[in-house]
PDB file of all heavy atoms in Angstrom:
ATOM      1  N   CYS A   1      22.515  22.310  11.441  1.00  0.00           N
ATOM      2  CA  CYS A   1      21.137  22.066  11.868  1.00  0.00           C
ATOM      3  C   CYS A   1      20.173  23.069  11.244  1.00  0.00           C
ATOM      4  O   CYS A   1      19.031  22.725  10.919  1.00  0.00           O
ATOM      5  CB  CYS A   1      21.041  22.113  13.390  1.00  0.00           C
ATOM      6  SG  CYS A   1      21.848  20.713  14.217  1.00  0.00           S
ATOM      7  N   LYS A   2      20.634  24.289  11.050  1.00  0.00           N
ATOM      8  CA  LYS A   2      19.781  25.299  10.418  1.00  0.00           C
ATOM      9  C   LYS A   2      19.451  24.905   8.986  1.00  0.00           C
ATOM     10  O   LYS A   2      18.310  25.045   8.529  1.00  0.00           O
ATOM     11  CB  LYS A   2      20.475  26.659  10.450  1.00  0.00           C
ATOM     12  CG  LYS A   2      19.603  27.809   9.973  1.00  0.00           C
ATOM     13  CD  LYS A   2      20.312  29.156  10.156  1.00  0.00           C
ATOM     14  CE  LYS A   2      19.425  30.302   9.729  1.00  0.00           C
ATOM     15  NZ  LYS A   2      20.088  31.623   9.917  1.00  0.00           N
ATOM     16  N   ARG A   3      20.435  24.378   8.268  1.00  0.00           N
ATOM     17  CA  ARG A   3      20.189  23.930   6.893  1.00  0.00           C
ATOM     18  C   ARG A   3      19.249  22.725   6.866  1.00  0.00           C
ATOM     19  O   ARG A   3      18.331  22.640   6.036  1.00  0.00           O
ATOM     20  CB  ARG A   3      21.513  23.595   6.209  1.00  0.00           C
ATOM     21  CG  ARG A   3      22.370  24.819   5.884  1.00  0.00           C
ATOM     22  CD  ARG A   3      23.618  24.419   5.111  1.00  0.00           C
ATOM     23  NE  ARG A   3      24.411  25.578   4.728  1.00  0.00           N
ATOM     24  CZ  ARG A   3      24.189  26.335   3.672  1.00  0.00           C
ATOM     25  NH1 ARG A   3      23.160  26.051   2.873  1.00  0.00           N
ATOM     26  NH2 ARG A   3      24.962  27.361   3.387  1.00  0.00           N
ATOM     27  N   ILE A   4      19.484  21.762   7.759  1.00  0.00           N
ATOM     28  CA  ILE A   4      18.627  20.577   7.808  1.00  0.00           C
ATOM     29  C   ILE A   4      17.195  20.967   8.160  1.00  0.00           C
ATOM     30  O   ILE A   4      16.231  20.447   7.593  1.00  0.00           O
ATOM     31  CB  ILE A   4      19.177  19.551   8.817  1.00  0.00           C
ATOM     32  CG1 ILE A   4      20.511  18.980   8.320  1.00  0.00           C
ATOM     33  CG2 ILE A   4      18.170  18.423   9.047  1.00  0.00           C
ATOM     34  CD1 ILE A   4      21.184  18.037   9.302  1.00  0.00           C
ATOM     35  N   LEU A   5      17.060  21.895   9.100  1.00  0.00           N
ATOM     36  CA  LEU A   5      15.730  22.313   9.555  1.00  0.00           C
ATOM     37  C   LEU A   5      14.879  22.827   8.408  1.00  0.00           C
ATOM     38  O   LEU A   5      13.678  22.519   8.326  1.00  0.00           O
ATOM     39  CB  LEU A   5      15.881  23.392  10.633  1.00  0.00           C
ATOM     40  CG  LEU A   5      14.605  24.004  11.198  1.00  0.00           C
ATOM     41  CD1 LEU A   5      13.747  22.934  11.855  1.00  0.00           C
ATOM     42  CD2 LEU A   5      14.943  25.106  12.199  1.00  0.00           C
ATOM     43  N   ALA A   6      15.467  23.597   7.518  1.00  0.00           N
ATOM     44  CA  ALA A   6      14.706  24.128   6.382  1.00  0.00           C
ATOM     45  C   ALA A   6      14.163  22.997   5.516  1.00  0.00           C
ATOM     46  O   ALA A   6      13.025  23.065   5.031  1.00  0.00           O
ATOM     47  CB  ALA A   6      15.585  25.052   5.556  1.00  0.00           C
ATOM     48  N   ASP A   7      14.956  21.939   5.334  1.00  0.00           N
ATOM     49  CA  ASP A   7      14.499  20.791   4.549  1.00  0.00           C
ATOM     50  C   ASP A   7      13.397  20.032   5.283  1.00  0.00           C
ATOM     51  O   ASP A   7      12.389  19.634   4.687  1.00  0.00           O
ATOM     52  CB  ASP A   7      15.662  19.834   4.268  1.00  0.00           C
ATOM     53  CG  ASP A   7      16.722  20.422   3.352  1.00  0.00           C
ATOM     54  OD1 ASP A   7      16.420  21.394   2.640  1.00  0.00           O
ATOM     55  OD2 ASP A   7      17.856  19.901   3.364  1.00  0.00           O
ATOM     56  N   GLU A   8      13.580  19.817   6.588  1.00  0.00           N
ATOM     57  CA  GLU A   8      12.630  19.008   7.348  1.00  0.00           C
ATOM     58  C   GLU A   8      11.249  19.663   7.376  1.00  0.00           C
ATOM     59  O   GLU A   8      10.220  18.986   7.321  1.00  0.00           O
ATOM     60  CB  GLU A   8      13.130  18.796   8.783  1.00  0.00           C
ATOM     61  CG  GLU A   8      14.466  18.097   8.917  1.00  0.00           C
ATOM     62  CD  GLU A   8      14.430  16.620   8.555  1.00  0.00           C
ATOM     63  OE1 GLU A   8      13.451  16.186   7.911  1.00  0.00           O
ATOM     64  OE2 GLU A   8      15.378  15.909   8.896  1.00  0.00           O
ATOM     65  N   SER A   9      11.208  20.970   7.468  1.00  0.00           N
ATOM     66  CA  SER A   9       9.923  21.670   7.471  1.00  0.00           C
ATOM     67  C   SER A   9       9.179  21.419   6.162  1.00  0.00           C
ATOM     68  O   SER A   9       7.954  21.270   6.148  1.00  0.00           O
ATOM     69  CB  SER A   9      10.148  23.170   7.687  1.00  0.00           C
ATOM     70  OG  SER A   9      10.790  23.411   8.923  1.00  0.00           O
ATOM     71  N   ARG A  10       9.914  21.376   5.073  1.00  0.00           N
ATOM     72  CA  ARG A  10       9.312  21.094   3.762  1.00  0.00           C
ATOM     73  C   ARG A  10       8.790  19.658   3.713  1.00  0.00           C
ATOM     74  O   ARG A  10       7.707  19.391   3.181  1.00  0.00           O
ATOM     75  CB  ARG A  10      10.367  21.333   2.671  1.00  0.00           C
ATOM     76  CG  ARG A  10       9.854  21.337   1.254  1.00  0.00           C
ATOM     77  CD  ARG A  10      10.920  21.828   0.304  1.00  0.00           C
ATOM     78  NE  ARG A  10      12.132  21.024   0.322  1.00  0.00           N
ATOM     79  CZ  ARG A  10      13.338  21.476   0.674  1.00  0.00           C
ATOM     80  NH1 ARG A  10      13.491  22.731   1.045  1.00  0.00           N
ATOM     81  NH2 ARG A  10      14.393  20.682   0.660  1.00  0.00           N
ATOM     82  N   HIS A  11       9.542  18.735   4.282  1.00  0.00           N
ATOM     83  CA  HIS A  11       9.124  17.331   4.282  1.00  0.00           C
ATOM     84  C   HIS A  11       7.825  17.157   5.060  1.00  0.00           C
ATOM     85  O   HIS A  11       6.934  16.407   4.652  1.00  0.00           O
ATOM     86  CB  HIS A  11      10.216  16.445   4.903  1.00  0.00           C
ATOM     87  CG  HIS A  11      11.522  16.544   4.208  1.00  0.00           C
ATOM     88  ND1 HIS A  11      12.702  16.107   4.769  1.00  0.00           N
ATOM     89  CD2 HIS A  11      11.855  17.036   2.978  1.00  0.00           C
ATOM     90  CE1 HIS A  11      13.694  16.329   3.922  1.00  0.00           C
ATOM     91  NE2 HIS A  11      13.197  16.885   2.836  1.00  0.00           N
ATOM     92  N   MET A  12       7.738  17.813   6.204  1.00  0.00           N
ATOM     93  CA  MET A  12       6.524  17.737   7.003  1.00  0.00           C
ATOM     94  C   MET A  12       5.339  18.257   6.196  1.00  0.00           C
ATOM     95  O   MET A  12       4.224  17.740   6.292  1.00  0.00           O
ATOM     96  CB  MET A  12       6.713  18.530   8.295  1.00  0.00           C
ATOM     97  CG  MET A  12       5.686  18.252   9.365  1.00  0.00           C
ATOM     98  SD  MET A  12       6.198  18.883  10.996  1.00  0.00           S
ATOM     99  CE  MET A  12       6.366  20.627  10.656  1.00  0.00           C
ATOM    100  N   GLY A  13       5.592  19.271   5.363  1.00  0.00           N
ATOM    101  CA  GLY A  13       4.529  19.819   4.539  1.00  0.00           C
ATOM    102  C   GLY A  13       3.957  18.826   3.547  1.00  0.00           C
ATOM    103  O   GLY A  13       2.776  18.908   3.185  1.00  0.00           O
ATOM    104  N   PHE A  14       4.787  17.853   3.108  1.00  0.00           N
ATOM    105  CA  PHE A  14       4.287  16.852   2.162  1.00  0.00           C
ATOM    106  C   PHE A  14       3.129  16.080   2.759  1.00  0.00           C
ATOM    107  O   PHE A  14       2.124  15.806   2.083  1.00  0.00           O
ATOM    108  CB  PHE A  14       5.406  15.892   1.749  1.00  0.00           C
ATOM    109  CG  PHE A  14       4.916  14.751   0.897  1.00  0.00           C
ATOM    110  CD1 PHE A  14       4.687  14.929  -0.457  1.00  0.00           C
ATOM    111  CD2 PHE A  14       4.651  13.506   1.447  1.00  0.00           C
ATOM    112  CE1 PHE A  14       4.209  13.891  -1.257  1.00  0.00           C
ATOM    113  CE2 PHE A  14       4.182  12.457   0.666  1.00  0.00           C
ATOM    114  CZ  PHE A  14       3.953  12.654  -0.696  1.00  0.00           C
ATOM    115  N   SER A  15       3.240  15.701   4.032  1.00  0.00           N
ATOM    116  CA  SER A  15       2.171  14.921   4.653  1.00  0.00           C
ATOM    117  C   SER A  15       0.887  15.746   4.749  1.00  0.00           C
ATOM    118  O   SER A  15      -0.215  15.211   4.548  1.00  0.00           O
ATOM    119  CB  SER A  15       2.597  14.434   6.037  1.00  0.00           C
ATOM    120  OG  SER A  15       2.809  15.517   6.925  1.00  0.00           O
ATOM    121  N   ILE A  16       1.017  17.039   5.042  1.00  0.00           N
ATOM    122  CA  ILE A  16      -0.157  17.891   5.191  1.00  0.00           C
ATOM    123  C   ILE A  16      -0.911  18.016   3.863  1.00  0.00           C
ATOM    124  O   ILE A  16      -2.138  18.098   3.831  1.00  0.00           O
ATOM    125  CB  ILE A  16       0.247  19.291   5.698  1.00  0.00           C
ATOM    126  CG1 ILE A  16       1.029  19.189   7.011  1.00  0.00           C
ATOM    127  CG2 ILE A  16      -0.988  20.173   5.872  1.00  0.00           C
ATOM    128  CD1 ILE A  16       0.308  18.488   8.116  1.00  0.00           C
ATOM    129  N   LEU A  17      -0.156  18.023   2.753  1.00  0.00           N
ATOM    130  CA  LEU A  17      -0.777  18.182   1.442  1.00  0.00           C
ATOM    131  C   LEU A  17      -1.291  16.867   0.864  1.00  0.00           C
ATOM    132  O   LEU A  17      -2.297  16.848   0.164  1.00  0.00           O
ATOM    133  CB  LEU A  17       0.222  18.808   0.467  1.00  0.00           C
ATOM    134  CG  LEU A  17       0.667  20.244   0.776  1.00  0.00           C
ATOM    135  CD1 LEU A  17       1.736  20.688  -0.214  1.00  0.00           C
ATOM    136  CD2 LEU A  17      -0.516  21.204   0.761  1.00  0.00           C
ATOM    137  N   SER A  18      -0.603  15.760   1.151  1.00  0.00           N
ATOM    138  CA  SER A  18      -0.910  14.506   0.455  1.00  0.00           C
ATOM    139  C   SER A  18      -1.891  13.600   1.202  1.00  0.00           C
ATOM    140  O   SER A  18      -2.545  12.754   0.574  1.00  0.00           O
ATOM    141  CB  SER A  18       0.388  13.726   0.203  1.00  0.00           C
ATOM    142  OG  SER A  18       0.968  13.305   1.432  1.00  0.00           O
ATOM    143  N   LEU A  19      -2.015  13.753   2.518  1.00  0.00           N
ATOM    144  CA  LEU A  19      -2.775  12.769   3.295  1.00  0.00           C
ATOM    145  C   LEU A  19      -4.275  13.025   3.437  1.00  0.00           C
ATOM    146  O   LEU A  19      -5.042  12.057   3.542  1.00  0.00           O
ATOM    147  CB  LEU A  19      -2.169  12.636   4.694  1.00  0.00           C
ATOM    148  CG  LEU A  19      -0.852  11.858   4.780  1.00  0.00           C
ATOM    149  CD1 LEU A  19      -0.279  11.974   6.192  1.00  0.00           C
ATOM    150  CD2 LEU A  19      -1.057  10.401   4.416  1.00  0.00           C
ATOM    151  N   PRO A  20      -4.766  14.270   3.491  1.00  0.00           N
ATOM    152  CA  PRO A  20      -6.193  14.458   3.821  1.00  0.00           C
ATOM    153  C   PRO A  20      -7.156  13.691   2.929  1.00  0.00           C
ATOM    154  O   PRO A  20      -8.059  13.002   3.428  1.00  0.00           O
ATOM    155  CB  PRO A  20      -6.385  15.976   3.681  1.00  0.00           C
ATOM    156  CG  PRO A  20      -5.045  16.538   4.012  1.00  0.00           C
ATOM    157  CD  PRO A  20      -4.060  15.560   3.412  1.00  0.00           C
ATOM    158  N   ASP A  21      -7.013  13.793   1.607  1.00  0.00           N
ATOM    159  CA  ASP A  21      -7.933  13.088   0.708  1.00  0.00           C
ATOM    160  C   ASP A  21      -7.808  11.578   0.876  1.00  0.00           C
ATOM    161  O   ASP A  21      -8.811  10.849   0.844  1.00  0.00           O
ATOM    162  CB  ASP A  21      -7.660  13.472  -0.742  1.00  0.00           C
ATOM    163  CG  ASP A  21      -8.096  14.891  -1.062  1.00  0.00           C
ATOM    164  OD1 ASP A  21      -8.880  15.468  -0.274  1.00  0.00           O
ATOM    165  OD2 ASP A  21      -7.641  15.432  -2.084  1.00  0.00           O
ATOM    166  N   GLU A  22      -6.573  11.090   1.062  1.00  0.00           N
ATOM    167  CA  GLU A  22      -6.353   9.651   1.215  1.00  0.00           C
ATOM    168  C   GLU A  22      -7.016   9.145   2.495  1.00  0.00           C
ATOM    169  O   GLU A  22      -7.692   8.111   2.481  1.00  0.00           O
ATOM    170  CB  GLU A  22      -4.853   9.350   1.253  1.00  0.00           C
ATOM    171  CG  GLU A  22      -4.499   7.877   1.301  1.00  0.00           C
ATOM    172  CD  GLU A  22      -4.773   7.155  -0.009  1.00  0.00           C
ATOM    173  OE1 GLU A  22      -4.967   7.835  -1.038  1.00  0.00           O
ATOM    174  OE2 GLU A  22      -4.781   5.905  -0.004  1.00  0.00           O
ATOM    175  N   ILE A  23      -6.848   9.852   3.603  1.00  0.00           N
ATOM    176  CA  ILE A  23      -7.420   9.398   4.872  1.00  0.00           C
ATOM    177  C   ILE A  23      -8.945   9.458   4.825  1.00  0.00           C
ATOM    178  O   ILE A  23      -9.626   8.553   5.347  1.00  0.00           O
ATOM    179  CB  ILE A  23      -6.854  10.243   6.031  1.00  0.00           C
ATOM    180  CG1 ILE A  23      -5.372   9.896   6.227  1.00  0.00           C
ATOM    181  CG2 ILE A  23      -7.638  10.008   7.328  1.00  0.00           C
ATOM    182  CD1 ILE A  23      -4.664  10.735   7.276  1.00  0.00           C
ATOM    183  N   ARG A  24      -9.504  10.478   4.178  1.00  0.00           N
ATOM    184  CA  ARG A  24     -10.968  10.565   4.053  1.00  0.00           C
ATOM    185  C   ARG A  24     -11.536   9.372   3.295  1.00  0.00           C
ATOM    186  O   ARG A  24     -12.663   8.939   3.551  1.00  0.00           O
ATOM    187  CB  ARG A  24     -11.368  11.854   3.340  1.00  0.00           C
ATOM    188  CG  ARG A  24     -11.534  13.047   4.259  1.00  0.00           C
ATOM    189  CD  ARG A  24     -12.252  14.183   3.552  1.00  0.00           C
ATOM    190  NE  ARG A  24     -11.502  14.677   2.411  1.00  0.00           N
ATOM    191  CZ  ARG A  24     -10.603  15.664   2.493  1.00  0.00           C
ATOM    192  NH1 ARG A  24     -10.353  16.232   3.660  1.00  0.00           N
ATOM    193  NH2 ARG A  24      -9.964  16.073   1.416  1.00  0.00           N
ATOM    194  N   GLY A  25     -10.764   8.822   2.371  1.00  0.00           N
ATOM    195  CA  GLY A  25     -11.256   7.720   1.549  1.00  0.00           C
ATOM    196  C   GLY A  25     -10.948   6.331   2.077  1.00  0.00           C
ATOM    197  O   GLY A  25     -11.283   5.334   1.423  1.00  0.00           O
ATOM    198  N   LEU A  26     -10.314   6.213   3.238  1.00  0.00           N
ATOM    199  CA  LEU A  26      -9.952   4.896   3.768  1.00  0.00           C
ATOM    200  C   LEU A  26     -11.188   4.133   4.231  1.00  0.00           C
ATOM    201  O   LEU A  26     -12.124   4.706   4.803  1.00  0.00           O
ATOM    202  CB  LEU A  26      -8.985   5.037   4.948  1.00  0.00           C
ATOM    203  CG  LEU A  26      -7.588   5.583   4.650  1.00  0.00           C
ATOM    204  CD1 LEU A  26      -6.772   5.665   5.944  1.00  0.00           C
ATOM    205  CD2 LEU A  26      -6.857   4.726   3.626  1.00  0.00           C
ATOM    206  N   ASN A  27     -11.158   2.820   4.004  1.00  0.00           N
ATOM    207  CA  ASN A  27     -12.216   1.994   4.578  1.00  0.00           C
ATOM    208  C   ASN A  27     -11.961   1.800   6.068  1.00  0.00           C
ATOM    209  O   ASN A  27     -10.898   2.156   6.592  1.00  0.00           O
ATOM    210  CB  ASN A  27     -12.319   0.647   3.845  1.00  0.00           C
ATOM    211  CG  ASN A  27     -11.037  -0.177   3.924  1.00  0.00           C
ATOM    212  OD1 ASN A  27     -10.425  -0.300   4.996  1.00  0.00           O
ATOM    213  ND2 ASN A  27     -10.622  -0.760   2.797  1.00  0.00           N
ATOM    214  N   ALA A  28     -12.915   1.227   6.763  1.00  0.00           N
ATOM    215  CA  ALA A  28     -12.832   1.120   8.223  1.00  0.00           C
ATOM    216  C   ALA A  28     -11.611   0.316   8.663  1.00  0.00           C
ATOM    217  O   ALA A  28     -10.938   0.669   9.647  1.00  0.00           O
ATOM    218  CB  ALA A  28     -14.111   0.492   8.769  1.00  0.00           C
ATOM    219  N   GLY A  29     -11.292  -0.744   7.928  1.00  0.00           N
ATOM    220  CA  GLY A  29     -10.153  -1.579   8.299  1.00  0.00           C
ATOM    221  C   GLY A  29      -8.834  -0.849   8.162  1.00  0.00           C
ATOM    222  O   GLY A  29      -7.974  -0.914   9.058  1.00  0.00           O
ATOM    223  N   ASP A  30      -8.647  -0.151   7.046  1.00  0.00           N
ATOM    224  CA  ASP A  30      -7.404   0.598   6.840  1.00  0.00           C
ATOM    225  C   ASP A  30      -7.276   1.740   7.839  1.00  0.00           C
ATOM    226  O   ASP A  30      -6.178   2.033   8.335  1.00  0.00           O
ATOM    227  CB  ASP A  30      -7.345   1.151   5.414  1.00  0.00           C
ATOM    228  CG  ASP A  30      -6.909   0.106   4.393  1.00  0.00           C
ATOM    229  OD1 ASP A  30      -6.337  -0.919   4.813  1.00  0.00           O
ATOM    230  OD2 ASP A  30      -7.136   0.324   3.192  1.00  0.00           O
ATOM    231  N   LEU A  31      -8.394   2.415   8.135  1.00  0.00           N
ATOM    232  CA  LEU A  31      -8.339   3.507   9.100  1.00  0.00           C
ATOM    233  C   LEU A  31      -7.968   2.991  10.484  1.00  0.00           C
ATOM    234  O   LEU A  31      -7.146   3.602  11.183  1.00  0.00           O
ATOM    235  CB  LEU A  31      -9.682   4.231   9.162  1.00  0.00           C
ATOM    236  CG  LEU A  31      -9.755   5.409  10.145  1.00  0.00           C
ATOM    237  CD1 LEU A  31      -8.716   6.472   9.802  1.00  0.00           C
ATOM    238  CD2 LEU A  31     -11.166   6.018  10.165  1.00  0.00           C
ATOM    239  N   HIS A  32      -8.535   1.849  10.876  1.00  0.00           N
ATOM    240  CA  HIS A  32      -8.216   1.259  12.172  1.00  0.00           C
ATOM    241  C   HIS A  32      -6.731   0.888  12.233  1.00  0.00           C
ATOM    242  O   HIS A  32      -6.055   1.128  13.241  1.00  0.00           O
ATOM    243  CB  HIS A  32      -9.093   0.030  12.403  1.00  0.00           C
ATOM    244  CG  HIS A  32      -9.158  -0.397  13.837  1.00  0.00           C
ATOM    245  ND1 HIS A  32      -8.183  -1.182  14.431  1.00  0.00           N
ATOM    246  CD2 HIS A  32     -10.079  -0.128  14.802  1.00  0.00           C
ATOM    247  CE1 HIS A  32      -8.501  -1.398  15.692  1.00  0.00           C
ATOM    248  NE2 HIS A  32      -9.641  -0.768  15.950  1.00  0.00           N
ATOM    249  N   GLU A  33      -6.207   0.317  11.138  1.00  0.00           N
ATOM    250  CA  GLU A  33      -4.781  -0.035  11.093  1.00  0.00           C
ATOM    251  C   GLU A  33      -3.914   1.221  11.204  1.00  0.00           C
ATOM    252  O   GLU A  33      -2.902   1.223  11.926  1.00  0.00           O
ATOM    253  CB  GLU A  33      -4.461  -0.765   9.788  1.00  0.00           C
ATOM    254  CG  GLU A  33      -2.997  -1.162   9.661  1.00  0.00           C
ATOM    255  CD  GLU A  33      -2.667  -1.767   8.310  1.00  0.00           C
ATOM    256  OE1 GLU A  33      -3.570  -1.859   7.451  1.00  0.00           O
ATOM    257  OE2 GLU A  33      -1.484  -2.145   8.108  1.00  0.00           O
ATOM    258  N   LEU A  34      -4.307   2.284  10.525  1.00  0.00           N
ATOM    259  CA  LEU A  34      -3.540   3.529  10.579  1.00  0.00           C
ATOM    260  C   LEU A  34      -3.567   4.123  11.985  1.00  0.00           C
ATOM    261  O   LEU A  34      -2.549   4.614  12.481  1.00  0.00           O
ATOM    262  CB  LEU A  34      -4.097   4.531   9.564  1.00  0.00           C
ATOM    263  CG  LEU A  34      -3.409   5.897   9.509  1.00  0.00           C
ATOM    264  CD1 LEU A  34      -1.934   5.751   9.159  1.00  0.00           C
ATOM    265  CD2 LEU A  34      -4.111   6.810   8.498  1.00  0.00           C
ATOM    266  N   GLU A  35      -4.721   4.078  12.636  1.00  0.00           N
ATOM    267  CA  GLU A  35      -4.821   4.589  14.004  1.00  0.00           C
ATOM    268  C   GLU A  35      -3.941   3.792  14.958  1.00  0.00           C
ATOM    269  O   GLU A  35      -3.243   4.367  15.807  1.00  0.00           O
ATOM    270  CB  GLU A  35      -6.275   4.554  14.466  1.00  0.00           C
ATOM    271  CG  GLU A  35      -7.174   5.534  13.732  1.00  0.00           C
ATOM    272  CD  GLU A  35      -8.650   5.273  13.991  1.00  0.00           C
ATOM    273  OE1 GLU A  35      -8.986   4.191  14.549  1.00  0.00           O
ATOM    274  OE2 GLU A  35      -9.478   6.126  13.636  1.00  0.00           O
ATOM    275  N   ASP A  36      -3.956   2.459  14.812  1.00  0.00           N
ATOM    276  CA  ASP A  36      -3.117   1.619  15.670  1.00  0.00           C
ATOM    277  C   ASP A  36      -1.634   1.926  15.445  1.00  0.00           C
ATOM    278  O   ASP A  36      -0.849   2.005  16.397  1.00  0.00           O
ATOM    279  CB  ASP A  36      -3.382   0.138  15.399  1.00  0.00           C
ATOM    280  CG  ASP A  36      -4.711  -0.334  15.970  1.00  0.00           C
ATOM    281  OD1 ASP A  36      -5.288   0.391  16.807  1.00  0.00           O
ATOM    282  OD2 ASP A  36      -5.179  -1.419  15.573  1.00  0.00           O
ATOM    283  N   PHE A  37      -1.253   2.065  14.176  1.00  0.00           N
ATOM    284  CA  PHE A  37       0.139   2.391  13.877  1.00  0.00           C
ATOM    285  C   PHE A  37       0.516   3.754  14.442  1.00  0.00           C
ATOM    286  O   PHE A  37       1.617   3.932  14.989  1.00  0.00           O
ATOM    287  CB  PHE A  37       0.387   2.381  12.367  1.00  0.00           C
ATOM    288  CG  PHE A  37       1.698   3.009  11.989  1.00  0.00           C
ATOM    289  CD1 PHE A  37       2.899   2.374  12.252  1.00  0.00           C
ATOM    290  CD2 PHE A  37       1.736   4.276  11.402  1.00  0.00           C
ATOM    291  CE1 PHE A  37       4.115   2.967  11.936  1.00  0.00           C
ATOM    292  CE2 PHE A  37       2.940   4.870  11.075  1.00  0.00           C
ATOM    293  CZ  PHE A  37       4.128   4.215  11.348  1.00  0.00           C
ATOM    294  N   THR A  38      -0.389   4.725  14.334  1.00  0.00           N
ATOM    295  CA  THR A  38      -0.110   6.069  14.852  1.00  0.00           C
ATOM    296  C   THR A  38       0.165   6.019  16.343  1.00  0.00           C
ATOM    297  O   THR A  38       1.088   6.672  16.844  1.00  0.00           O
ATOM    298  CB  THR A  38      -1.300   7.001  14.556  1.00  0.00           C
ATOM    299  OG1 THR A  38      -1.504   7.073  13.140  1.00  0.00           O
ATOM    300  CG2 THR A  38      -1.051   8.401  15.100  1.00  0.00           C
ATOM    301  N   ARG A  39      -0.620   5.227  17.056  1.00  0.00           N
ATOM    302  CA  ARG A  39      -0.400   5.102  18.504  1.00  0.00           C
ATOM    303  C   ARG A  39       0.984   4.527  18.788  1.00  0.00           C
ATOM    304  O   ARG A  39       1.734   5.062  19.612  1.00  0.00           O
ATOM    305  CB  ARG A  39      -1.469   4.206  19.118  1.00  0.00           C
ATOM    306  CG  ARG A  39      -1.272   3.983  20.612  1.00  0.00           C
ATOM    307  CD  ARG A  39      -2.402   3.201  21.224  1.00  0.00           C
ATOM    308  NE  ARG A  39      -2.319   3.219  22.674  1.00  0.00           N
ATOM    309  CZ  ARG A  39      -3.316   2.890  23.473  1.00  0.00           C
ATOM    310  NH1 ARG A  39      -4.491   2.534  22.970  1.00  0.00           N
ATOM    311  NH2 ARG A  39      -3.171   2.919  24.785  1.00  0.00           N
ATOM    312  N   GLU A  40       1.335   3.450  18.092  1.00  0.00           N
ATOM    313  CA  GLU A  40       2.635   2.821  18.311  1.00  0.00           C
ATOM    314  C   GLU A  40       3.771   3.764  17.934  1.00  0.00           C
ATOM    315  O   GLU A  40       4.773   3.884  18.650  1.00  0.00           O
ATOM    316  CB  GLU A  40       2.726   1.525  17.499  1.00  0.00           C
ATOM    317  CG  GLU A  40       4.034   0.776  17.628  1.00  0.00           C
ATOM    318  CD  GLU A  40       4.248   0.157  18.997  1.00  0.00           C
ATOM    319  OE1 GLU A  40       3.275   0.101  19.783  1.00  0.00           O
ATOM    320  OE2 GLU A  40       5.373  -0.273  19.292  1.00  0.00           O
TER     321      GLU A  40
END
């Protein structure tokens, strides 16, 4: 689990680096779909 944990922390970092610009540029429909999916 200690070995896996080190990898998982890196994976989580990908979302932090890759998503902000993409989410800022979403149109209203895509953002609404993403919000609905996030809730589910």
